[in-house]
Amino acid sequence: MTSARMPVLDLDPIEETALLQVVWRAVETASPTAEPWDPFAQAVVAQAGGAALIARFTTGPDLYRRLHVAAVRVADGRLRAWGAEGEDRRQVVLLASGLDGRMAREVFSQGTSVFAVDRPRILDLYRRLSPPGMACPVPVPGNLVRPAEVLAALRAAGWRADRPTAFVAEGVMEFLGGAAMARLLGECAGAAAPGSLLLVQSLDPALVDRARAIGDTAFPWRRLPDPLSAFAHLPVEDVQTLSVTPQPGVGEIEADREPEPLTHVLALPL
């Protein structure tokens, strides 16, 4: 990746988080020990600053990058399995999509309609940084604390409530909280056709202690919600929990401490 002047300035914290996660995936893709994985992330980083951007966003503990990449890979696998379950025309709704690269990674089966719901500034960032000729989702401006409005905006953008849909929410729970997340998922489930899927990635509350153990004073949360609280209005007994336990890095945990799950991908078939 070559260095270039970064064309994106004046980013707010949420936009920085979206760009940070793209950098993490690009670093993973460029690793000599990893298989080619996320061409979208590589292209975005090359366009948005290259090596200078990577240096800017990789100064913190590597634990979080490894957690993000591992969770995204687990979610990719679950979405591929869901897409293979039926031959009907399927849809995917990315809730707080950030700079998602799954269309370039060919996670979704051919003919799947993909919608990206996010703040207008994030969607504009997505548009500006997306490589020419690379497939991108349909942009849908929306505020996730108003789920009824989000669903109305999706319908206006072409989403069909009579077709199976995977609603994907990654990195949302920590910002919305359990109660608002439960309302969002409840509304989505109520509008979804049979054969749909709710897919949520959520950090484990134990990550707060892990951040303290590795001396990360900049970790933004003092408490994290119980991941299952997102399904408070739904049959929680049917939730499939896929937990991610990262391999410990140097100095990250005490020698006598067993690795523990620090993020979860939760799936609820509808």
Protein backbone atom coordinates (compact mmCIF):
# COMPACT_ATOMS: atom_id res chain seq x y z
CA MET A 1 0.00 0.00 0.00
CA THR A 2 1.42 3.36 -0.94
CA SER A 3 1.16 6.50 1.12
CA ALA A 4 -1.06 9.27 -0.16
CA ARG A 5 -2.62 12.34 1.31
CA MET A 6 -5.74 11.31 3.17
CA PRO A 7 -8.77 12.94 1.46
CA VAL A 8 -11.06 12.47 4.47
CA LEU A 9 -10.82 15.18 7.11
CA ASP A 10 -12.79 16.28 10.17
CA LEU A 11 -13.99 12.80 11.15
CA ASP A 12 -16.21 12.42 14.17
CA PRO A 13 -15.65 9.46 16.58
CA ILE A 14 -18.16 7.18 14.83
CA GLU A 15 -16.61 7.88 11.42
CA GLU A 16 -13.17 7.22 12.88
CA THR A 17 -14.41 3.90 14.24
CA ALA A 18 -15.70 2.91 10.78
CA LEU A 19 -12.35 3.77 9.22
CA LEU A 20 -10.45 2.05 12.03
CA GLN A 21 -12.24 -1.24 11.33
CA VAL A 22 -11.43 -0.99 7.63
CA VAL A 23 -7.77 -0.50 8.54
CA TRP A 24 -7.89 -3.56 10.78
CA ARG A 25 -9.29 -5.69 7.95
CA ALA A 26 -6.75 -4.29 5.47
CA VAL A 27 -3.88 -5.14 7.84
CA GLU A 28 -5.23 -8.68 8.17
CA THR A 29 -5.59 -8.99 4.39
CA ALA A 30 -2.02 -7.82 3.83
CA SER A 31 -0.56 -10.21 6.40
CA PRO A 32 1.83 -12.74 4.78
CA THR A 33 0.25 -15.49 6.89
CA ALA A 34 -3.37 -14.68 5.91
CA GLU A 35 -5.26 -15.69 2.82
CA PRO A 36 -6.50 -12.90 0.51
CA TRP A 37 -9.62 -11.74 2.27
CA ASP A 38 -10.94 -8.17 2.01
CA PRO A 39 -10.09 -6.38 -1.26
CA PHE A 40 -12.53 -3.60 -0.36
CA ALA A 41 -10.62 -2.76 2.82
CA GLN A 42 -7.30 -2.76 0.98
CA ALA A 43 -8.62 -0.47 -1.75
CA VAL A 44 -10.22 1.95 0.73
CA VAL A 45 -7.07 2.22 2.83
CA ALA A 46 -4.89 2.74 -0.23
CA GLN A 47 -7.18 5.57 -1.34
CA ALA A 48 -7.60 7.14 2.09
CA GLY A 49 -3.96 7.40 3.15
CA GLY A 50 -2.15 4.08 2.75
CA ALA A 51 0.73 3.50 5.16
CA ALA A 52 0.11 6.82 6.93
CA LEU A 53 -3.48 5.82 7.67
CA ILE A 54 -2.39 2.40 8.93
CA ALA A 55 0.17 4.00 11.23
CA ARG A 56 -2.49 6.36 12.57
CA PHE A 57 -4.94 3.61 13.46
CA THR A 58 -2.67 0.80 14.69
CA THR A 59 -1.08 2.43 17.72
CA GLY A 60 -3.34 0.74 20.30
CA PRO A 61 -3.40 -2.84 21.60
CA ASP A 62 -3.59 -5.40 18.80
CA LEU A 63 -6.13 -7.41 20.81
CA TYR A 64 -9.03 -5.35 19.46
CA ARG A 65 -7.99 -5.79 15.84
CA ARG A 66 -7.76 -9.55 16.29
CA LEU A 67 -11.14 -9.63 18.00
CA HIS A 68 -12.77 -7.63 15.21
CA VAL A 69 -11.28 -9.75 12.42
CA ALA A 70 -12.16 -13.03 14.15
CA ALA A 71 -15.76 -11.94 14.79
CA VAL A 72 -16.21 -10.73 11.20
CA ARG A 73 -14.95 -14.07 9.90
CA VAL A 74 -17.40 -15.95 12.14
CA ALA A 75 -20.26 -13.72 10.99
CA ASP A 76 -19.24 -14.22 7.34
CA GLY A 77 -19.48 -17.97 7.80
CA ARG A 78 -22.93 -17.78 9.39
CA LEU A 79 -24.21 -15.49 6.63
CA ARG A 80 -22.89 -17.81 3.93
CA ALA A 81 -24.66 -20.73 5.61
CA TRP A 82 -27.90 -18.75 5.80
CA GLY A 83 -27.64 -17.78 2.13
CA ALA A 84 -27.22 -21.43 1.18
CA GLU A 85 -30.35 -22.51 3.06
CA GLY A 86 -32.78 -21.48 0.32
CA GLU A 87 -32.94 -20.64 -3.34
CA ASP A 88 -35.39 -17.76 -2.87
CA ARG A 89 -34.24 -14.22 -3.57
CA ARG A 90 -32.72 -13.04 -0.32
CA GLN A 91 -31.91 -9.68 1.22
CA VAL A 92 -29.36 -8.41 3.72
CA VAL A 93 -29.77 -5.27 5.84
CA LEU A 94 -26.56 -3.97 7.42
CA LEU A 95 -27.62 -1.99 10.51
CA ALA A 96 -24.97 0.68 11.17
CA SER A 97 -23.09 -0.66 8.17
CA GLY A 98 -19.95 1.41 8.57
CA LEU A 99 -17.62 0.61 5.67
CA ASP A 100 -18.69 -3.00 5.21
CA GLY A 101 -16.76 -5.02 2.63
CA ARG A 102 -18.86 -8.17 2.35
CA MET A 103 -20.05 -7.59 -1.21
CA ALA A 104 -16.43 -7.46 -2.38
CA ARG A 105 -15.68 -10.55 -0.28
CA GLU A 106 -18.58 -12.30 -2.06
CA VAL A 107 -20.16 -13.39 1.22
CA PHE A 108 -23.67 -13.15 -0.24
CA SER A 109 -25.09 -15.42 -2.90
CA GLN A 110 -25.70 -14.03 -6.36
CA GLY A 111 -28.88 -12.00 -6.62
CA THR A 112 -28.95 -10.98 -2.95
CA SER A 113 -30.13 -7.40 -2.40
CA VAL A 114 -27.96 -5.60 0.16
CA PHE A 115 -28.96 -2.42 2.04
CA ALA A 116 -26.66 -0.31 4.23
CA VAL A 117 -28.39 1.64 7.01
CA ASP A 118 -26.30 4.34 8.67
CA ARG A 119 -25.94 8.03 9.34
CA PRO A 120 -25.77 10.19 6.21
CA ARG A 121 -22.15 11.16 6.89
CA ILE A 122 -21.09 7.52 7.13
CA LEU A 123 -22.93 6.69 3.91
CA ASP A 124 -21.25 9.65 2.22
CA LEU A 125 -17.86 8.43 3.46
CA TYR A 126 -18.73 4.99 2.06
CA ARG A 127 -19.56 6.54 -1.32
CA ARG A 128 -16.41 8.67 -1.46
CA LEU A 129 -14.02 5.88 -0.51
CA SER A 130 -15.60 2.98 -2.43
CA PRO A 131 -13.34 1.90 -5.32
CA PRO A 132 -14.81 2.47 -8.81
CA GLY A 133 -16.49 -0.61 -10.21
CA MET A 134 -16.73 -2.41 -6.85
CA ALA A 135 -20.24 -3.47 -5.81
CA CYS A 136 -21.73 -1.53 -2.89
CA PRO A 137 -24.98 -1.80 -0.90
CA VAL A 138 -28.01 0.42 -1.44
CA PRO A 139 -27.53 3.38 0.97
CA VAL A 140 -30.37 3.99 3.44
CA PRO A 141 -30.01 6.94 5.84
CA GLY A 142 -31.48 6.06 9.21
CA ASN A 143 -31.28 6.40 12.98
CA LEU A 144 -31.35 3.03 14.73
CA VAL A 145 -33.05 4.43 17.82
CA ARG A 146 -36.12 4.96 15.61
CA PRO A 147 -36.62 1.46 14.17
CA ALA A 148 -40.04 2.17 12.64
CA GLU A 149 -38.51 5.00 10.61
CA VAL A 150 -35.63 2.74 9.57
CA LEU A 151 -38.05 0.13 8.26
CA ALA A 152 -40.01 2.80 6.37
CA ALA A 153 -36.78 4.07 4.79
CA LEU A 154 -35.83 0.51 3.83
CA ARG A 155 -39.18 -0.02 2.12
CA ALA A 156 -38.73 3.25 0.22
CA ALA A 157 -35.28 2.04 -0.90
CA GLY A 158 -36.67 -1.21 -2.32
CA TRP A 159 -36.52 -3.63 0.61
CA ARG A 160 -39.27 -6.26 0.46
CA ALA A 161 -40.83 -7.46 3.72
CA ASP A 162 -42.11 -10.61 1.98
CA ARG A 163 -38.59 -11.91 1.24
CA PRO A 164 -36.21 -13.50 3.77
CA THR A 165 -33.79 -10.95 5.20
CA ALA A 166 -30.64 -11.17 7.30
CA PHE A 167 -30.52 -8.16 9.64
CA VAL A 168 -26.87 -7.71 10.64
CA ALA A 169 -25.82 -5.51 13.59
CA GLU A 170 -22.10 -5.47 14.39
CA GLY A 171 -20.62 -3.06 16.92
CA VAL A 172 -24.06 -1.57 17.58
CA MET A 173 -24.94 -3.02 20.98
CA GLU A 174 -22.18 -1.14 22.81
CA PHE A 175 -23.50 2.22 21.57
CA LEU A 176 -27.26 1.63 21.72
CA GLY A 177 -27.40 -0.36 24.95
CA GLY A 178 -29.43 -3.49 25.58
CA ALA A 179 -32.90 -1.90 25.79
CA ALA A 180 -32.65 0.11 22.55
CA MET A 181 -31.05 -2.85 20.80
CA ALA A 182 -33.91 -5.09 21.92
CA ARG A 183 -36.46 -2.62 20.53
CA LEU A 184 -34.59 -2.48 17.21
CA LEU A 185 -34.38 -6.25 16.85
CA GLY A 186 -37.99 -6.67 17.94
CA GLU A 187 -39.19 -4.29 15.21
CA CYS A 188 -37.02 -6.00 12.59
CA ALA A 189 -38.25 -9.43 13.62
CA GLY A 190 -41.85 -8.28 13.50
CA ALA A 191 -41.45 -7.06 9.93
CA ALA A 192 -39.36 -9.98 8.67
CA ALA A 193 -40.54 -12.83 6.45
CA PRO A 194 -40.16 -16.47 7.51
CA GLY A 195 -36.65 -17.72 6.86
CA SER A 196 -35.08 -14.46 7.98
CA LEU A 197 -32.15 -14.12 10.38
CA LEU A 198 -31.04 -11.71 13.09
CA LEU A 199 -27.24 -11.60 13.43
CA VAL A 200 -25.66 -9.55 16.21
CA GLN A 201 -22.01 -9.12 17.17
CA SER A 202 -21.49 -7.96 20.74
CA LEU A 203 -18.47 -7.53 22.99
CA ASP A 204 -18.36 -9.60 26.15
CA PRO A 205 -18.52 -7.64 29.45
CA ALA A 206 -15.27 -9.39 30.43
CA LEU A 207 -13.46 -7.21 27.89
CA VAL A 208 -13.65 -4.31 30.36
CA ASP A 209 -11.44 -6.23 32.80
CA ARG A 210 -9.17 -7.42 30.00
CA ALA A 211 -8.61 -3.84 28.84
CA ARG A 212 -7.70 -2.87 32.39
CA ALA A 213 -5.34 -5.86 32.66
CA ILE A 214 -3.38 -4.81 29.57
CA GLY A 215 -3.18 -1.21 30.76
CA ASP A 216 -5.50 0.32 28.18
CA THR A 217 -6.64 3.51 29.89
CA ALA A 218 -8.34 4.71 26.69
CA PHE A 219 -10.88 1.85 26.56
CA PRO A 220 -14.19 3.70 26.07
CA TRP A 221 -16.53 1.58 28.23
CA ARG A 222 -16.65 0.97 31.98
CA ARG A 223 -19.48 -1.53 31.54
CA LEU A 224 -20.74 -3.55 28.60
CA PRO A 225 -24.29 -4.95 28.25
CA ASP A 226 -25.10 -8.65 28.41
CA PRO A 227 -25.14 -9.75 24.75
CA LEU A 228 -28.34 -11.75 25.23
CA SER A 229 -30.19 -8.65 26.44
CA ALA A 230 -30.52 -7.67 22.76
CA PHE A 231 -33.07 -10.47 22.39
CA ALA A 232 -35.20 -9.54 25.40
CA HIS A 233 -38.42 -9.33 23.32
CA LEU A 234 -37.68 -12.49 21.33
CA PRO A 235 -37.36 -16.26 22.03
CA VAL A 236 -33.90 -16.04 23.56
CA GLU A 237 -33.77 -19.83 23.97
CA ASP A 238 -33.45 -20.12 20.18
CA VAL A 239 -30.43 -17.81 19.93
CA GLN A 240 -27.29 -19.50 18.61
CA THR A 241 -24.18 -18.09 20.31
CA LEU A 242 -20.87 -18.30 18.46
CA SER A 243 -18.17 -17.07 20.84
CA VAL A 244 -14.75 -15.80 19.80
CA THR A 245 -11.73 -16.45 22.03
CA PRO A 246 -8.60 -14.73 20.68
CA GLN A 247 -5.16 -16.19 21.08
CA PRO A 248 -3.42 -14.06 23.73
CA GLY A 249 -0.78 -11.61 22.58
CA VAL A 250 2.44 -10.81 24.39
CA GLY A 251 1.71 -9.28 27.79
CA GLU A 252 -2.06 -9.32 27.29
CA ILE A 253 -2.99 -11.73 30.08
CA GLU A 254 -1.37 -13.27 33.08
CA ALA A 255 0.42 -16.55 32.45
CA ASP A 256 -1.92 -18.48 34.74
CA ARG A 257 -5.13 -17.09 33.22
CA GLU A 258 -7.14 -19.12 30.75
CA PRO A 259 -8.25 -17.39 27.50
CA GLU A 260 -11.94 -16.47 27.62
CA PRO A 261 -14.50 -15.41 25.01
CA LEU A 262 -14.35 -11.66 24.51
CA THR A 263 -16.85 -11.17 21.70
CA HIS A 264 -19.89 -13.07 20.50
CA VAL A 265 -21.78 -13.51 17.25
CA LEU A 266 -25.40 -14.29 18.08
CA ALA A 267 -27.82 -15.61 15.47
CA LEU A 268 -31.59 -16.00 15.74
CA PRO A 269 -33.36 -17.71 12.83
CA LEU A 270 -36.89 -16.40 12.32
